[in-house]
Amino acid sequence: MDKPLIEAKDVTIELSREIILHDINIKVYPGDTIVIIGPSGSGKTVLIKALAGLYTPSKGSITFHDMLWSDMSIKIKHDYAKLVGVQFQKAALFDDLNTIDNIIYVLQEHTHLNPMERRKRALECLQSVHMEEAQNLWPHQLSGGMKLRLGVARSLALKPEVLFMDDPTAGLDPVNSDEMMDLILNLKKQINATLIIVTHDVMRAYQLAGRIFFVAGKTILETGSANETKSHKDPRVQQFIHGWLKGPLTEEILT
């Protein structure tokens, strides 16, 4: 098997003196499609931000291409950022930049392309998510679905080696959610990227995976493929995927 592209070993993440994740271990291999599921507030977003080098563990290590994120200088981290695309939760767009300039900003920050080349690449990204006609609109003029698609387009600008996506179908109706899933799967093939995606939608997790990881109780559990997850013996997994009101997840919240 290939060497891991990203590896977390015995990782604990602490924010504002609160432990969010404890003793996390995960290996991500080139070409993987990793889907992360779990209850709201369980630490899924924190996990992918840590894997992307945006959070530093209070314990343990996270490597990218065998290099510790925590040991990288600002310059090296900046260079490695070219290999990583991130679609943030709720898109995290720049409100003072129009649609195409939200993408051009990334290219200006991380490439030596001239202005014409940057604009051409940005337009290609918009075309890939069917938003070229909205290139001059401002974020406040976009629907929720369009903002999410723009976030995806921006994450693709550098043709990343690994793509992190944080709940890209959140708030979408079933039709637009289906369209977004098709779009993501097609884009993954086009750029041959490793995909790490958070979703609250179990059916979308089955559609995408890959390997599924379940986050709850400050820990992470690999549940396997879609079929393996459906039959997983952990009662927390069964409660989550079936949406049962009673079970260990509810008991954890109450206690």
Protein backbone atom coordinates (compact mmCIF):
# COMPACT_ATOMS: atom_id res chain seq x y z
CA MET A 1 0.00 0.00 0.00
CA ASP A 2 1.08 3.60 -0.64
CA LYS A 3 2.48 5.69 2.17
CA PRO A 4 -0.13 7.88 3.86
CA LEU A 5 -0.56 11.32 2.35
CA ILE A 6 -1.83 12.59 5.70
CA GLU A 7 -1.44 10.86 9.06
CA ALA A 8 -2.64 11.81 12.54
CA LYS A 9 -1.01 9.93 15.42
CA ASP A 10 -2.42 10.06 18.97
CA VAL A 11 -3.76 13.56 18.31
CA THR A 12 -5.56 15.61 20.93
CA ILE A 13 -7.09 18.95 19.94
CA GLU A 14 -7.83 21.47 22.65
CA LEU A 15 -9.58 24.79 22.07
CA SER A 16 -10.13 27.39 24.81
CA ARG A 17 -8.90 24.81 27.35
CA GLU A 18 -11.59 22.35 26.29
CA ILE A 19 -10.59 19.00 24.76
CA ILE A 20 -12.51 18.63 21.49
CA LEU A 21 -10.85 15.45 20.19
CA HIS A 22 -8.73 12.96 22.15
CA ASP A 23 -6.16 10.40 20.93
CA ILE A 24 -7.20 10.53 17.28
CA ASN A 25 -5.49 8.22 14.77
CA ILE A 26 -6.22 8.32 11.06
CA LYS A 27 -4.32 7.60 7.85
CA VAL A 28 -5.35 9.14 4.53
CA TYR A 29 -3.90 7.58 1.39
CA PRO A 30 -3.52 9.17 -2.06
CA GLY A 31 -6.80 8.91 -3.98
CA ASP A 32 -8.87 8.17 -0.85
CA THR A 33 -12.41 9.40 -0.44
CA ILE A 34 -12.82 9.85 3.30
CA VAL A 35 -16.27 10.72 4.64
CA ILE A 36 -16.59 11.98 8.21
CA ILE A 37 -19.96 11.70 9.93
CA GLY A 38 -21.21 12.20 13.48
CA PRO A 39 -23.51 14.30 15.65
CA SER A 40 -23.49 18.09 15.49
CA GLY A 41 -20.80 19.58 17.69
CA SER A 42 -18.79 16.37 17.86
CA GLY A 43 -15.64 17.91 16.35
CA LYS A 44 -15.86 17.00 12.65
CA THR A 45 -14.95 20.49 11.44
CA VAL A 46 -12.14 20.72 13.98
CA LEU A 47 -10.81 17.40 12.71
CA ILE A 48 -10.58 18.39 9.05
CA LYS A 49 -9.07 21.77 9.93
CA ALA A 50 -6.42 19.97 11.98
CA LEU A 51 -5.70 17.55 9.12
CA ALA A 52 -5.38 20.55 6.80
CA GLY A 53 -2.82 22.16 9.10
CA LEU A 54 -5.10 24.93 10.38
CA TYR A 55 -5.14 23.72 14.00
CA THR A 56 -2.08 22.58 15.95
CA PRO A 57 -2.57 19.55 18.22
CA SER A 58 -1.95 19.98 21.93
CA LYS A 59 -0.71 16.38 21.83
CA GLY A 60 0.36 13.99 19.07
CA SER A 61 1.37 14.75 15.49
CA ILE A 62 -0.13 15.38 12.07
CA THR A 63 2.02 14.87 8.99
CA PHE A 64 1.45 15.88 5.38
CA HIS A 65 3.87 14.30 2.90
CA ASP A 66 5.87 13.01 5.90
CA MET A 67 6.36 16.56 7.20
CA LEU A 68 4.89 17.71 10.49
CA TRP A 69 2.50 20.62 9.97
CA SER A 70 3.66 21.96 13.36
CA ASP A 71 7.34 22.00 12.28
CA MET A 72 6.82 23.84 9.00
CA SER A 73 8.03 27.41 8.74
CA ILE A 74 5.53 30.01 7.58
CA LYS A 75 7.08 29.94 4.10
CA ILE A 76 7.00 26.14 3.80
CA LYS A 77 3.44 26.00 5.09
CA HIS A 78 2.48 28.66 2.55
CA ASP A 79 4.06 26.57 -0.22
CA TYR A 80 2.31 23.40 0.93
CA ALA A 81 -1.01 25.25 1.04
CA LYS A 82 -0.92 25.15 -2.77
CA LEU A 83 -1.53 21.41 -2.54
CA VAL A 84 -4.60 21.77 -0.31
CA GLY A 85 -8.07 23.00 -1.25
CA VAL A 86 -10.59 23.80 1.48
CA GLN A 87 -14.31 24.41 1.07
CA PHE A 88 -15.26 25.95 4.39
CA GLN A 89 -18.56 25.57 6.16
CA LYS A 90 -21.04 28.21 4.90
CA ALA A 91 -18.55 29.01 2.09
CA ALA A 92 -16.61 31.72 4.07
CA LEU A 93 -16.56 34.07 1.09
CA PHE A 94 -14.96 37.52 0.99
CA ASP A 95 -17.95 39.87 1.10
CA ASP A 96 -16.00 42.75 -0.45
CA LEU A 97 -14.99 40.73 -3.53
CA ASN A 98 -17.29 39.69 -6.33
CA THR A 99 -17.70 36.10 -7.44
CA ILE A 100 -14.74 35.80 -9.79
CA ASP A 101 -12.46 37.91 -7.59
CA ASN A 102 -13.09 35.51 -4.67
CA ILE A 103 -11.27 32.91 -6.79
CA ILE A 104 -8.67 35.27 -8.26
CA TYR A 105 -7.60 36.18 -4.72
CA VAL A 106 -6.40 32.60 -4.10
CA LEU A 107 -4.50 32.54 -7.38
CA GLN A 108 -2.90 35.90 -6.65
CA GLU A 109 -1.80 34.67 -3.22
CA HIS A 110 -0.32 31.33 -4.30
CA THR A 111 0.72 31.51 -7.98
CA HIS A 112 2.87 33.57 -10.32
CA LEU A 113 0.20 33.74 -13.01
CA ASN A 114 -0.29 37.10 -14.66
CA PRO A 115 -3.67 38.87 -14.29
CA MET A 116 -5.01 37.50 -17.58
CA GLU A 117 -4.01 33.94 -16.68
CA ARG A 118 -5.53 34.29 -13.21
CA ARG A 119 -8.82 35.47 -14.65
CA LYS A 120 -8.84 32.63 -17.18
CA ARG A 121 -8.25 30.01 -14.45
CA ALA A 122 -10.91 31.58 -12.21
CA LEU A 123 -13.42 31.46 -15.05
CA GLU A 124 -12.58 27.77 -15.62
CA CYS A 125 -13.36 27.11 -11.96
CA LEU A 126 -16.68 28.93 -12.22
CA GLN A 127 -17.55 26.98 -15.36
CA SER A 128 -16.82 23.73 -13.54
CA VAL A 129 -19.60 24.54 -11.04
CA HIS A 130 -21.91 26.12 -13.66
CA MET A 131 -21.55 29.67 -12.33
CA GLU A 132 -19.79 31.51 -15.14
CA GLU A 133 -22.84 33.74 -15.69
CA ALA A 134 -22.63 34.90 -12.06
CA GLN A 135 -18.99 35.98 -12.25
CA ASN A 136 -19.73 39.66 -11.55
CA LEU A 137 -22.27 39.15 -8.76
CA TRP A 138 -21.48 39.92 -5.14
CA PRO A 139 -21.82 37.35 -2.35
CA HIS A 140 -24.97 39.01 -0.98
CA GLN A 141 -26.59 38.54 -4.40
CA LEU A 142 -26.01 34.77 -4.42
CA SER A 143 -28.40 32.12 -3.16
CA GLY A 144 -27.23 29.69 -0.49
CA GLY A 145 -26.60 27.00 -3.09
CA MET A 146 -24.62 29.39 -5.29
CA LYS A 147 -22.45 30.41 -2.32
CA LEU A 148 -21.65 26.76 -1.66
CA ARG A 149 -20.78 26.17 -5.31
CA LEU A 150 -18.55 29.25 -5.30
CA GLY A 151 -16.81 27.87 -2.22
CA VAL A 152 -16.19 24.64 -4.12
CA ALA A 153 -14.93 26.53 -7.17
CA ARG A 154 -12.49 28.53 -5.03
CA SER A 155 -11.17 25.36 -3.38
CA LEU A 156 -10.36 23.98 -6.85
CA ALA A 157 -8.44 27.02 -8.06
CA LEU A 158 -4.98 25.58 -7.39
CA LYS A 159 -5.86 22.08 -8.68
CA PRO A 160 -5.16 20.70 -5.20
CA GLU A 161 -3.76 17.31 -4.37
CA VAL A 162 -6.15 16.97 -1.44
CA LEU A 163 -9.57 18.59 -1.12
CA PHE A 164 -11.30 19.21 2.22
CA MET A 165 -15.03 19.87 2.09
CA ASP A 166 -17.09 20.84 5.13
CA ASP A 167 -20.76 19.89 4.71
CA PRO A 168 -21.11 21.10 1.09
CA THR A 169 -24.82 20.18 0.91
CA ALA A 170 -25.85 21.92 4.14
CA GLY A 171 -29.18 23.70 3.71
CA LEU A 172 -29.71 22.55 0.13
CA ASP A 173 -33.00 21.10 -1.07
CA PRO A 174 -32.91 17.46 -2.33
CA VAL A 175 -32.55 18.44 -6.01
CA ASN A 176 -29.68 20.87 -5.43
CA SER A 177 -28.10 18.43 -2.99
CA ASP A 178 -28.12 15.72 -5.67
CA GLU A 179 -26.60 18.16 -8.15
CA MET A 180 -23.87 19.11 -5.68
CA MET A 181 -22.97 15.46 -5.05
CA ASP A 182 -22.71 14.74 -8.77
CA LEU A 183 -20.60 17.85 -9.16
CA ILE A 184 -18.20 16.86 -6.36
CA LEU A 185 -17.74 13.32 -7.66
CA ASN A 186 -17.09 14.56 -11.19
CA LEU A 187 -14.62 17.20 -10.02
CA LYS A 188 -12.74 14.66 -7.92
CA LYS A 189 -12.24 12.55 -11.05
CA GLN A 190 -11.20 15.55 -13.13
CA ILE A 191 -8.43 16.72 -10.79
CA ASN A 192 -7.63 13.25 -9.39
CA ALA A 193 -7.74 14.59 -5.84
CA THR A 194 -7.85 12.92 -2.47
CA LEU A 195 -11.18 13.92 -0.91
CA ILE A 196 -11.93 14.39 2.80
CA ILE A 197 -15.52 15.46 3.32
CA VAL A 198 -17.75 16.14 6.31
CA THR A 199 -21.47 15.54 6.00
CA HIS A 200 -24.46 15.25 8.32
CA ASP A 201 -26.40 13.40 5.62
CA VAL A 202 -26.00 9.64 6.00
CA MET A 203 -27.31 8.92 2.51
CA ARG A 204 -24.73 11.31 1.04
CA ALA A 205 -22.03 9.57 3.08
CA TYR A 206 -23.05 6.25 1.55
CA GLN A 207 -23.06 7.82 -1.92
CA LEU A 208 -19.55 9.27 -1.54
CA ALA A 209 -17.60 6.66 0.42
CA GLY A 210 -14.89 5.53 0.25
CA ARG A 211 -14.02 5.00 3.87
CA ILE A 212 -16.37 6.34 6.52
CA PHE A 213 -15.21 7.65 9.90
CA PHE A 214 -17.58 8.32 12.78
CA VAL A 215 -16.80 11.09 15.29
CA ALA A 216 -18.45 11.07 18.73
CA GLY A 217 -17.41 11.26 22.37
CA LYS A 218 -14.19 13.11 21.42
CA THR A 219 -12.98 10.02 19.51
CA ILE A 220 -12.98 8.76 15.94
CA LEU A 221 -13.96 5.32 14.72
CA GLU A 222 -13.41 3.95 11.21
CA THR A 223 -16.64 2.20 10.25
CA GLY A 224 -15.51 1.10 6.78
CA SER A 225 -17.43 1.15 3.53
CA ALA A 226 -21.10 2.10 3.20
CA ASN A 227 -22.21 -1.52 3.64
CA GLU A 228 -19.85 -2.06 6.56
CA THR A 229 -21.14 1.10 8.24
CA LYS A 230 -24.75 0.02 7.85
CA SER A 231 -24.01 -3.20 9.75
CA HIS A 232 -21.49 -1.78 12.23
CA LYS A 233 -21.93 -3.13 15.75
CA ASP A 234 -21.19 0.08 17.66
CA PRO A 235 -24.57 1.24 19.09
CA ARG A 236 -23.60 4.89 18.64
CA VAL A 237 -23.16 4.35 14.92
CA GLN A 238 -26.49 2.54 14.67
CA GLN A 239 -28.29 5.30 16.56
CA PHE A 240 -26.79 7.97 14.32
CA ILE A 241 -27.43 6.33 10.96
CA HIS A 242 -31.03 5.44 11.90
CA GLY A 243 -31.80 8.71 13.66
CA TRP A 244 -33.05 7.00 16.81
CA LEU A 245 -34.01 9.34 19.64
CA LYS A 246 -32.83 6.94 22.35
CA GLY A 247 -29.35 5.48 22.60
CA PRO A 248 -25.81 6.15 23.81
CA LEU A 249 -25.43 9.40 21.85
CA THR A 250 -28.47 10.91 23.57
CA GLU A 251 -27.23 9.65 26.93
CA GLU A 252 -23.85 11.36 26.31
CA ILE A 253 -25.61 14.68 25.71
CA LEU A 254 -27.76 14.33 28.83
CA THR A 255 -24.78 13.52 31.01
